[in-house]
PDB file of N, CA and C in Angstrom:
ATOM      1  N   MET A   1      19.000  12.902  -0.997  1.00  0.00           N
ATOM      2  CA  MET A   1      19.200  14.002  -1.504  1.00  0.00           C
ATOM      3  C   MET A   1      18.301  14.962  -1.178  1.00  0.00           C
ATOM      4  N   ALA A   2      17.057  14.681  -1.010  1.00  0.00           N
ATOM      5  CA  ALA A   2      15.824  15.591  -0.647  1.00  0.00           C
ATOM      6  C   ALA A   2      16.076  15.794   1.119  1.00  0.00           C
ATOM      7  N   HIS A   3      15.597  17.011   1.286  1.00  0.00           N
ATOM      8  CA  HIS A   3      15.591  17.508   2.630  1.00  0.00           C
ATOM      9  C   HIS A   3      14.434  18.507   2.765  1.00  0.00           C
ATOM     10  N   GLU A   4      13.982  18.562   4.191  1.00  0.00           N
ATOM     11  CA  GLU A   4      12.692  19.341   4.539  1.00  0.00           C
ATOM     12  C   GLU A   4      13.169  20.726   5.007  1.00  0.00           C
ATOM     13  N   HIS A   5      12.572  21.702   4.496  1.00  0.00           N
ATOM     14  CA  HIS A   5      12.734  23.146   4.695  1.00  0.00           C
ATOM     15  C   HIS A   5      11.500  23.835   5.030  1.00  0.00           C
ATOM     16  N   GLU A   6      11.209  24.243   6.164  1.00  0.00           N
ATOM     17  CA  GLU A   6       9.991  25.089   6.488  1.00  0.00           C
ATOM     18  C   GLU A   6       8.691  24.374   5.505  1.00  0.00           C
ATOM     19  N   GLU A   7       8.527  23.225   5.976  1.00  0.00           N
ATOM     20  CA  GLU A   7       7.403  22.570   5.499  1.00  0.00           C
ATOM     21  C   GLU A   7       7.598  22.113   3.741  1.00  0.00           C
ATOM     22  N   HIS A   8       8.470  22.591   3.229  1.00  0.00           N
ATOM     23  CA  HIS A   8       8.855  22.395   1.823  1.00  0.00           C
ATOM     24  C   HIS A   8       9.733  21.457   1.601  1.00  0.00           C
ATOM     25  N   GLN A   9       9.641  20.383   0.511  1.00  0.00           N
ATOM     26  CA  GLN A   9      10.524  19.590   0.365  1.00  0.00           C
ATOM     27  C   GLN A   9      11.453  19.948  -0.837  1.00  0.00           C
ATOM     28  N   HIS A  10      12.730  20.067  -0.683  1.00  0.00           N
ATOM     29  CA  HIS A  10      13.611  20.443  -1.864  1.00  0.00           C
ATOM     30  C   HIS A  10      14.470  19.194  -2.366  1.00  0.00           C
ATOM     31  N   ILE A  11      14.727  19.207  -3.491  1.00  0.00           N
ATOM     32  CA  ILE A  11      15.750  18.306  -4.246  1.00  0.00           C
ATOM     33  C   ILE A  11      16.744  19.094  -5.044  1.00  0.00           C
ATOM     34  N   THR A  12      17.910  18.445  -5.047  1.00  0.00           N
ATOM     35  CA  THR A  12      19.092  19.026  -5.910  1.00  0.00           C
ATOM     36  C   THR A  12      19.111  18.121  -7.084  1.00  0.00           C
ATOM     37  N   VAL A  13      19.016  18.767  -8.346  1.00  0.00           N
ATOM     38  CA  VAL A  13      19.165  17.942  -9.560  1.00  0.00           C
ATOM     39  C   VAL A  13      20.512  18.519 -10.274  1.00  0.00           C
ATOM     40  N   VAL A  14      21.193  17.639 -10.604  1.00  0.00           N
ATOM     41  CA  VAL A  14      22.345  17.843 -11.375  1.00  0.00           C
ATOM     42  C   VAL A  14      22.238  17.648 -12.751  1.00  0.00           C
ATOM     43  N   ASP A  15      22.428  18.832 -13.611  1.00  0.00           N
ATOM     44  CA  ASP A  15      22.106  18.647 -15.007  1.00  0.00           C
ATOM     45  C   ASP A  15      23.340  18.000 -15.760  1.00  0.00           C
ATOM     46  N   GLU A  16      23.181  17.864 -17.186  1.00  0.00           N
ATOM     47  CA  GLU A  16      24.011  17.242 -18.028  1.00  0.00           C
ATOM     48  C   GLU A  16      25.271  17.789 -18.052  1.00  0.00           C
ATOM     49  N   ASN A  17      25.587  19.052 -17.599  1.00  0.00           N
ATOM     50  CA  ASN A  17      26.829  19.888 -17.483  1.00  0.00           C
ATOM     51  C   ASN A  17      27.306  19.817 -16.182  1.00  0.00           C
ATOM     52  N   GLY A  18      26.710  19.071 -15.143  1.00  0.00           N
ATOM     53  CA  GLY A  18      27.321  18.969 -13.813  1.00  0.00           C
ATOM     54  C   GLY A  18      26.790  20.141 -12.893  1.00  0.00           C
ATOM     55  N   ASN A  19      26.014  20.982 -13.433  1.00  0.00           N
ATOM     56  CA  ASN A  19      25.491  22.093 -12.687  1.00  0.00           C
ATOM     57  C   ASN A  19      24.330  21.514 -11.695  1.00  0.00           C
ATOM     58  N   GLU A  20      24.512  22.054 -10.429  1.00  0.00           N
ATOM     59  CA  GLU A  20      23.450  21.742  -9.630  1.00  0.00           C
ATOM     60  C   GLU A  20      22.210  22.874  -9.403  1.00  0.00           C
ATOM     61  N   GLN A  21      21.166  22.358  -9.408  1.00  0.00           N
ATOM     62  CA  GLN A  21      19.983  23.413  -9.307  1.00  0.00           C
ATOM     63  C   GLN A  21      19.063  22.937  -8.199  1.00  0.00           C
ATOM     64  N   LEU A  22      18.470  23.701  -7.436  1.00  0.00           N
ATOM     65  CA  LEU A  22      17.764  23.482  -6.343  1.00  0.00           C
ATOM     66  C   LEU A  22      16.253  23.483  -6.757  1.00  0.00           C
ATOM     67  N   PHE A  23      15.450  22.532  -6.681  1.00  0.00           N
ATOM     68  CA  PHE A  23      14.155  22.530  -6.917  1.00  0.00           C
ATOM     69  C   PHE A  23      13.015  22.291  -5.751  1.00  0.00           C
ATOM     70  N   GLU A  24      11.952  22.753  -5.686  1.00  0.00           N
ATOM     71  CA  GLU A  24      10.967  22.705  -4.633  1.00  0.00           C
ATOM     72  C   GLU A  24       9.996  21.536  -5.189  1.00  0.00           C
ATOM     73  N   VAL A  25       9.658  20.492  -4.413  1.00  0.00           N
ATOM     74  CA  VAL A  25       8.859  19.421  -4.916  1.00  0.00           C
ATOM     75  C   VAL A  25       7.417  19.928  -4.717  1.00  0.00           C
ATOM     76  N   LEU A  26       6.658  19.713  -5.906  1.00  0.00           N
ATOM     77  CA  LEU A  26       5.268  20.136  -5.973  1.00  0.00           C
ATOM     78  C   LEU A  26       4.360  18.976  -5.088  1.00  0.00           C
ATOM     79  N   PHE A  27       4.537  17.782  -5.655  1.00  0.00           N
ATOM     80  CA  PHE A  27       3.893  16.571  -5.003  1.00  0.00           C
ATOM     81  C   PHE A  27       4.656  15.237  -5.480  1.00  0.00           C
ATOM     82  N   THR A  28       4.520  14.228  -4.878  1.00  0.00           N
ATOM     83  CA  THR A  28       4.957  12.831  -5.252  1.00  0.00           C
ATOM     84  C   THR A  28       3.755  11.988  -5.223  1.00  0.00           C
ATOM     85  N   PHE A  29       3.753  10.855  -5.963  1.00  0.00           N
ATOM     86  CA  PHE A  29       2.748   9.935  -6.000  1.00  0.00           C
ATOM     87  C   PHE A  29       3.203   8.741  -6.404  1.00  0.00           C
ATOM     88  N   ASP A  30       2.674   7.398  -6.288  1.00  0.00           N
ATOM     89  CA  ASP A  30       3.232   6.143  -6.689  1.00  0.00           C
ATOM     90  C   ASP A  30       2.218   5.793  -7.689  1.00  0.00           C
ATOM     91  N   SER A  31       2.539   5.071  -8.592  1.00  0.00           N
ATOM     92  CA  SER A  31       1.738   4.290  -9.772  1.00  0.00           C
ATOM     93  C   SER A  31       1.872   2.839  -9.691  1.00  0.00           C
ATOM     94  N   GLU A  32       0.694   2.149  -9.381  1.00  0.00           N
ATOM     95  CA  GLU A  32       0.802   0.867  -9.456  1.00  0.00           C
ATOM     96  C   GLU A  32       0.821   0.310 -10.891  1.00  0.00           C
ATOM     97  N   ASP A  33       0.287   1.017 -11.787  1.00  0.00           N
ATOM     98  CA  ASP A  33       0.282   0.526 -13.229  1.00  0.00           C
ATOM     99  C   ASP A  33       1.542   0.509 -13.673  1.00  0.00           C
ATOM    100  N   PHE A  34       2.471   1.394 -13.419  1.00  0.00           N
ATOM    101  CA  PHE A  34       3.898   1.458 -13.908  1.00  0.00           C
ATOM    102  C   PHE A  34       4.930   0.856 -12.827  1.00  0.00           C
ATOM    103  N   GLY A  35       4.440   0.579 -11.637  1.00  0.00           N
ATOM    104  CA  GLY A  35       5.302   0.170 -10.677  1.00  0.00           C
ATOM    105  C   GLY A  35       6.497   1.161 -10.190  1.00  0.00           C
ATOM    106  N   LYS A  36       6.257   2.426 -10.351  1.00  0.00           N
ATOM    107  CA  LYS A  36       7.082   3.411 -10.069  1.00  0.00           C
ATOM    108  C   LYS A  36       6.546   4.478  -9.161  1.00  0.00           C
ATOM    109  N   SER A  37       7.518   5.185  -8.480  1.00  0.00           N
ATOM    110  CA  SER A  37       7.000   6.505  -7.823  1.00  0.00           C
ATOM    111  C   SER A  37       7.547   7.749  -8.681  1.00  0.00           C
ATOM    112  N   TYR A  38       6.914   8.712  -8.571  1.00  0.00           N
ATOM    113  CA  TYR A  38       7.018  10.025  -9.389  1.00  0.00           C
ATOM    114  C   TYR A  38       6.986  11.311  -8.453  1.00  0.00           C
ATOM    115  N   VAL A  39       7.903  12.233  -8.936  1.00  0.00           N
ATOM    116  CA  VAL A  39       7.898  13.441  -8.372  1.00  0.00           C
ATOM    117  C   VAL A  39       7.777  14.523  -9.303  1.00  0.00           C
ATOM    118  N   LEU A  40       6.930  15.641  -8.926  1.00  0.00           N
ATOM    119  CA  LEU A  40       6.668  16.612  -9.748  1.00  0.00           C
ATOM    120  C   LEU A  40       7.378  17.851  -9.111  1.00  0.00           C
ATOM    121  N   TYR A  41       8.166  18.645  -9.675  1.00  0.00           N
ATOM    122  CA  TYR A  41       8.944  19.638  -9.041  1.00  0.00           C
ATOM    123  C   TYR A  41       9.149  20.845 -10.045  1.00  0.00           C
ATOM    124  N   TYR A  42       9.497  21.921  -9.382  1.00  0.00           N
ATOM    125  CA  TYR A  42       9.914  23.173 -10.201  1.00  0.00           C
ATOM    126  C   TYR A  42      11.037  23.890  -9.680  1.00  0.00           C
ATOM    127  N   PRO A  43      11.734  24.742 -10.423  1.00  0.00           N
ATOM    128  CA  PRO A  43      12.842  25.603  -9.847  1.00  0.00           C
ATOM    129  C   PRO A  43      12.523  26.519  -8.603  1.00  0.00           C
ATOM    130  N   ILE A  44      13.457  26.473  -7.603  1.00  0.00           N
ATOM    131  CA  ILE A  44      13.199  27.321  -6.655  1.00  0.00           C
ATOM    132  C   ILE A  44      13.295  28.717  -7.164  1.00  0.00           C
ATOM    133  N   GLY A  45      12.368  29.607  -6.779  1.00  0.00           N
ATOM    134  CA  GLY A  45      12.492  31.156  -7.021  1.00  0.00           C
ATOM    135  C   GLY A  45      11.948  31.295  -8.490  1.00  0.00           C
ATOM    136  N   ALA A  46      11.229  30.251  -9.060  1.00  0.00           N
ATOM    137  CA  ALA A  46      10.744  30.376 -10.520  1.00  0.00           C
ATOM    138  C   ALA A  46       9.763  31.448 -10.516  1.00  0.00           C
ATOM    139  N   GLU A  47       9.868  32.249 -11.648  1.00  0.00           N
ATOM    140  CA  GLU A  47       8.816  33.241 -11.833  1.00  0.00           C
ATOM    141  C   GLU A  47       7.774  32.767 -12.932  1.00  0.00           C
ATOM    142  N   GLU A  48       6.640  33.007 -12.696  1.00  0.00           N
ATOM    143  CA  GLU A  48       5.621  32.776 -13.672  1.00  0.00           C
ATOM    144  C   GLU A  48       5.983  33.517 -14.927  1.00  0.00           C
ATOM    145  N   ASP A  49       5.704  32.773 -16.071  1.00  0.00           N
ATOM    146  CA  ASP A  49       5.894  33.535 -17.414  1.00  0.00           C
ATOM    147  C   ASP A  49       4.728  34.257 -17.834  1.00  0.00           C
ATOM    148  N   ASP A  50       4.565  34.759 -19.045  1.00  0.00           N
ATOM    149  CA  ASP A  50       3.616  35.575 -19.369  1.00  0.00           C
ATOM    150  C   ASP A  50       2.252  35.205 -19.297  1.00  0.00           C
ATOM    151  N   ASN A  51       2.062  33.682 -19.284  1.00  0.00           N
ATOM    152  CA  ASN A  51       0.904  33.074 -19.277  1.00  0.00           C
ATOM    153  C   ASN A  51       0.656  32.570 -17.826  1.00  0.00           C
ATOM    154  N   GLU A  52       1.264  33.223 -16.864  1.00  0.00           N
ATOM    155  CA  GLU A  52       1.154  32.902 -15.434  1.00  0.00           C
ATOM    156  C   GLU A  52       1.427  31.406 -15.054  1.00  0.00           C
ATOM    157  N   GLU A  53       2.342  30.728 -15.752  1.00  0.00           N
ATOM    158  CA  GLU A  53       2.623  29.283 -15.604  1.00  0.00           C
ATOM    159  C   GLU A  53       4.177  29.353 -15.292  1.00  0.00           C
ATOM    160  N   ILE A  54       4.407  28.180 -14.486  1.00  0.00           N
ATOM    161  CA  ILE A  54       5.705  27.831 -14.029  1.00  0.00           C
ATOM    162  C   ILE A  54       6.069  26.525 -14.574  1.00  0.00           C
ATOM    163  N   GLU A  55       7.305  26.412 -15.150  1.00  0.00           N
ATOM    164  CA  GLU A  55       7.737  25.080 -15.845  1.00  0.00           C
ATOM    165  C   GLU A  55       7.752  24.123 -14.636  1.00  0.00           C
ATOM    166  N   ILE A  56       6.979  22.927 -14.889  1.00  0.00           N
ATOM    167  CA  ILE A  56       7.197  21.885 -13.821  1.00  0.00           C
ATOM    168  C   ILE A  56       7.761  20.737 -14.660  1.00  0.00           C
ATOM    169  N   HIS A  57       8.558  20.252 -13.796  1.00  0.00           N
ATOM    170  CA  HIS A  57       9.340  18.900 -14.280  1.00  0.00           C
ATOM    171  C   HIS A  57       8.867  17.656 -13.695  1.00  0.00           C
ATOM    172  N   ALA A  58       8.984  16.534 -14.222  1.00  0.00           N
ATOM    173  CA  ALA A  58       8.533  15.402 -13.490  1.00  0.00           C
ATOM    174  C   ALA A  58       9.634  14.358 -13.941  1.00  0.00           C
ATOM    175  N   SER A  59       9.826  13.466 -12.848  1.00  0.00           N
ATOM    176  CA  SER A  59      10.721  12.291 -13.061  1.00  0.00           C
ATOM    177  C   SER A  59      10.330  11.030 -12.164  1.00  0.00           C
ATOM    178  N   SER A  60      10.555   9.946 -12.677  1.00  0.00           N
ATOM    179  CA  SER A  60      10.292   8.803 -11.930  1.00  0.00           C
ATOM    180  C   SER A  60      11.550   8.502 -10.983  1.00  0.00           C
ATOM    181  N   TYR A  61      11.196   7.847  -9.909  1.00  0.00           N
ATOM    182  CA  TYR A  61      12.296   7.241  -9.066  1.00  0.00           C
ATOM    183  C   TYR A  61      12.131   5.992  -8.243  1.00  0.00           C
ATOM    184  N   VAL A  62      13.003   5.379  -8.102  1.00  0.00           N
ATOM    185  CA  VAL A  62      12.956   4.065  -7.510  1.00  0.00           C
ATOM    186  C   VAL A  62      13.655   4.291  -6.110  1.00  0.00           C
ATOM    187  N   GLN A  63      13.139   4.084  -4.991  1.00  0.00           N
ATOM    188  CA  GLN A  63      13.849   4.170  -3.691  1.00  0.00           C
ATOM    189  C   GLN A  63      14.863   3.145  -3.606  1.00  0.00           C
ATOM    190  N   HIS A  64      15.967   3.249  -2.977  1.00  0.00           N
ATOM    191  CA  HIS A  64      17.005   2.447  -2.826  1.00  0.00           C
ATOM    192  C   HIS A  64      16.580   1.335  -1.680  1.00  0.00           C
ATOM    193  N   GLU A  65      17.056   0.052  -1.805  1.00  0.00           N
ATOM    194  CA  GLU A  65      16.691  -1.018  -1.028  1.00  0.00           C
ATOM    195  C   GLU A  65      16.807  -0.666   0.444  1.00  0.00           C
ATOM    196  N   ASP A  66      17.726   0.188   0.785  1.00  0.00           N
ATOM    197  CA  ASP A  66      18.033   0.402   2.307  1.00  0.00           C
ATOM    198  C   ASP A  66      17.179   1.580   2.752  1.00  0.00           C
ATOM    199  N   GLY A  67      16.154   1.995   1.898  1.00  0.00           N
ATOM    200  CA  GLY A  67      15.230   2.909   2.218  1.00  0.00           C
ATOM    201  C   GLY A  67      15.687   4.599   2.130  1.00  0.00           C
ATOM    202  N   THR A  68      16.881   4.604   1.557  1.00  0.00           N
ATOM    203  CA  THR A  68      17.181   5.940   1.287  1.00  0.00           C
ATOM    204  C   THR A  68      16.545   6.664  -0.047  1.00  0.00           C
ATOM    205  N   GLU A  69      16.854   7.829  -0.319  1.00  0.00           N
ATOM    206  CA  GLU A  69      16.186   8.428  -1.538  1.00  0.00           C
ATOM    207  C   GLU A  69      16.796   7.638  -2.768  1.00  0.00           C
ATOM    208  N   GLY A  70      15.977   7.587  -3.644  1.00  0.00           N
ATOM    209  CA  GLY A  70      16.389   6.973  -4.966  1.00  0.00           C
ATOM    210  C   GLY A  70      16.987   8.004  -5.919  1.00  0.00           C
ATOM    211  N   ASP A  71      17.253   7.401  -7.207  1.00  0.00           N
ATOM    212  CA  ASP A  71      17.763   8.278  -8.251  1.00  0.00           C
ATOM    213  C   ASP A  71      16.591   8.793  -9.214  1.00  0.00           C
ATOM    214  N   LEU A  72      16.588  10.127  -9.715  1.00  0.00           N
ATOM    215  CA  LEU A  72      15.509  10.512 -10.703  1.00  0.00           C
ATOM    216  C   LEU A  72      15.979   9.807 -12.020  1.00  0.00           C
ATOM    217  N   GLN A  73      14.898   9.376 -12.567  1.00  0.00           N
ATOM    218  CA  GLN A  73      14.972   8.710 -13.883  1.00  0.00           C
ATOM    219  C   GLN A  73      14.021   9.671 -14.795  1.00  0.00           C
ATOM    220  N   PRO A  74      14.259   9.577 -16.155  1.00  0.00           N
ATOM    221  CA  PRO A  74      13.484  10.301 -17.010  1.00  0.00           C
ATOM    222  C   PRO A  74      12.178   9.557 -17.308  1.00  0.00           C
ATOM    223  N   ILE A  75      11.185  10.206 -17.708  1.00  0.00           N
ATOM    224  CA  ILE A  75       9.872   9.595 -17.938  1.00  0.00           C
ATOM    225  C   ILE A  75       9.982   9.033 -19.467  1.00  0.00           C
ATOM    226  N   GLU A  76       9.615   7.795 -19.615  1.00  0.00           N
ATOM    227  CA  GLU A  76      10.071   7.154 -21.007  1.00  0.00           C
ATOM    228  C   GLU A  76       8.925   6.986 -22.024  1.00  0.00           C
ATOM    229  N   THR A  77       7.781   7.097 -21.573  1.00  0.00           N
ATOM    230  CA  THR A  77       6.702   6.527 -22.489  1.00  0.00           C
ATOM    231  C   THR A  77       5.474   7.576 -22.377  1.00  0.00           C
ATOM    232  N   ASP A  78       4.843   7.794 -23.490  1.00  0.00           N
ATOM    233  CA  ASP A  78       3.738   8.643 -23.705  1.00  0.00           C
ATOM    234  C   ASP A  78       2.563   8.303 -22.714  1.00  0.00           C
ATOM    235  N   GLU A  79       2.485   6.961 -22.296  1.00  0.00           N
ATOM    236  CA  GLU A  79       1.410   6.563 -21.411  1.00  0.00           C
ATOM    237  C   GLU A  79       1.817   7.183 -20.046  1.00  0.00           C
ATOM    238  N   GLU A  80       3.084   7.107 -19.521  1.00  0.00           N
ATOM    239  CA  GLU A  80       3.452   7.698 -18.380  1.00  0.00           C
ATOM    240  C   GLU A  80       3.068   9.269 -18.182  1.00  0.00           C
ATOM    241  N   TRP A  81       3.466   9.982 -19.347  1.00  0.00           N
ATOM    242  CA  TRP A  81       3.419  11.417 -19.399  1.00  0.00           C
ATOM    243  C   TRP A  81       1.802  11.680 -19.298  1.00  0.00           C
ATOM    244  N   ASP A  82       0.794  10.872 -20.115  1.00  0.00           N
ATOM    245  CA  ASP A  82      -0.449  11.086 -19.880  1.00  0.00           C
ATOM    246  C   ASP A  82      -0.917  10.780 -18.476  1.00  0.00           C
ATOM    247  N   MET A  83      -0.600   9.966 -17.698  1.00  0.00           N
ATOM    248  CA  MET A  83      -0.905   9.688 -16.407  1.00  0.00           C
ATOM    249  C   MET A  83      -0.398  10.584 -15.475  1.00  0.00           C
ATOM    250  N   ILE A  84       0.820  11.223 -15.779  1.00  0.00           N
ATOM    251  CA  ILE A  84       1.292  12.360 -15.004  1.00  0.00           C
ATOM    252  C   ILE A  84       0.671  13.535 -15.162  1.00  0.00           C
ATOM    253  N   GLU A  85       0.191  13.821 -16.355  1.00  0.00           N
ATOM    254  CA  GLU A  85      -0.470  15.046 -16.662  1.00  0.00           C
ATOM    255  C   GLU A  85      -1.964  15.035 -16.168  1.00  0.00           C
ATOM    256  N   GLU A  86      -2.468  13.745 -16.180  1.00  0.00           N
ATOM    257  CA  GLU A  86      -3.727  13.604 -15.274  1.00  0.00           C
ATOM    258  C   GLU A  86      -3.702  13.893 -13.893  1.00  0.00           C
ATOM    259  N   MET A  87      -2.681  13.404 -13.171  1.00  0.00           N
ATOM    260  CA  MET A  87      -2.322  13.536 -11.841  1.00  0.00           C
ATOM    261  C   MET A  87      -2.214  14.950 -11.548  1.00  0.00           C
ATOM    262  N   LEU A  88      -1.277  15.627 -12.345  1.00  0.00           N
ATOM    263  CA  LEU A  88      -1.143  17.143 -12.240  1.00  0.00           C
ATOM    264  C   LEU A  88      -2.387  17.917 -12.188  1.00  0.00           C
ATOM    265  N   ASN A  89      -3.186  17.580 -13.229  1.00  0.00           N
ATOM    266  CA  ASN A  89      -4.409  18.440 -13.372  1.00  0.00           C
ATOM    267  C   ASN A  89      -5.340  18.175 -12.232  1.00  0.00           C
ATOM    268  N   THR A  90      -5.464  17.047 -11.535  1.00  0.00           N
ATOM    269  CA  THR A  90      -6.196  16.838 -10.500  1.00  0.00           C
ATOM    270  C   THR A  90      -5.708  17.598  -9.309  1.00  0.00           C
ATOM    271  N   PHE A  91      -4.366  17.377  -9.038  1.00  0.00           N
ATOM    272  CA  PHE A  91      -3.695  18.173  -7.913  1.00  0.00           C
ATOM    273  C   PHE A  91      -3.986  19.604  -8.132  1.00  0.00           C
ATOM    274  N   LEU A  92      -3.816  20.172  -9.132  1.00  0.00           N
ATOM    275  CA  LEU A  92      -4.081  21.749  -9.451  1.00  0.00           C
ATOM    276  C   LEU A  92      -5.543  22.016  -9.190  1.00  0.00           C
ATOM    277  N   ASP A  93      -6.412  21.132  -9.728  1.00  0.00           N
ATOM    278  CA  ASP A  93      -7.895  21.476  -9.379  1.00  0.00           C
ATOM    279  C   ASP A  93      -8.327  21.384  -7.896  1.00  0.00           C
ATOM    280  N   GLU A  94      -7.748  20.530  -7.131  1.00  0.00           N
ATOM    281  CA  GLU A  94      -7.676  20.310  -5.665  1.00  0.00           C
ATOM    282  C   GLU A  94      -7.186  21.640  -4.964  1.00  0.00           C
ATOM    283  N   GLU A  95      -6.014  21.990  -5.492  1.00  0.00           N
ATOM    284  CA  GLU A  95      -5.472  23.341  -4.776  1.00  0.00           C
ATOM    285  C   GLU A  95      -6.214  24.562  -5.183  1.00  0.00           C
ATOM    286  N   GLU A  96      -6.997  24.640  -6.224  1.00  0.00           N
ATOM    287  CA  GLU A  96      -7.804  25.795  -6.471  1.00  0.00           C
ATOM    288  C   GLU A  96      -9.094  25.848  -5.663  1.00  0.00           C
ATOM    289  N   GLU A  97      -9.540  24.569  -5.333  1.00  0.00           N
ATOM    290  CA  GLU A  97     -10.782  24.374  -4.504  1.00  0.00           C
ATOM    291  C   GLU A  97     -10.577  24.995  -3.019  1.00  0.00           C
ATOM    292  N   GLU A  98      -9.195  24.758  -2.616  1.00  0.00           N
ATOM    293  CA  GLU A  98      -8.930  25.272  -1.100  1.00  0.00           C
ATOM    294  C   GLU A  98      -8.965  26.514  -0.914  1.00  0.00           C
TER     295      GLU A  98
END
C-alpha cells in the first residue's frame, strides 16, 4: 500500500468510516524488544497548529511473509508508546542538528 513519490513515502490509511486519507511517512524503525516494526506518519498537507506542531500518528506493522507491505496495527501498551516517543524525540533532535 505504500509507494514512493519524489523521495517521500506515502501510505493510505482507511479510517473506521471507510474514508481513505493519504499520509506522509516521517520514518520507520524496528524494535527488537517488541519484535515489531513501527511507522510514524502525518497527514499530507497538514498545517502546523498554533504551537507549531503537526499531529504525528504511530502504528506498528508486521510485513507479510511474501515480503509485501504489512497491515498497520494500533500501539497497544504504554511501554511501546514510551519507546516510540523516545525514538521520535531522537529523530527530531537529529533533524534540528542538520
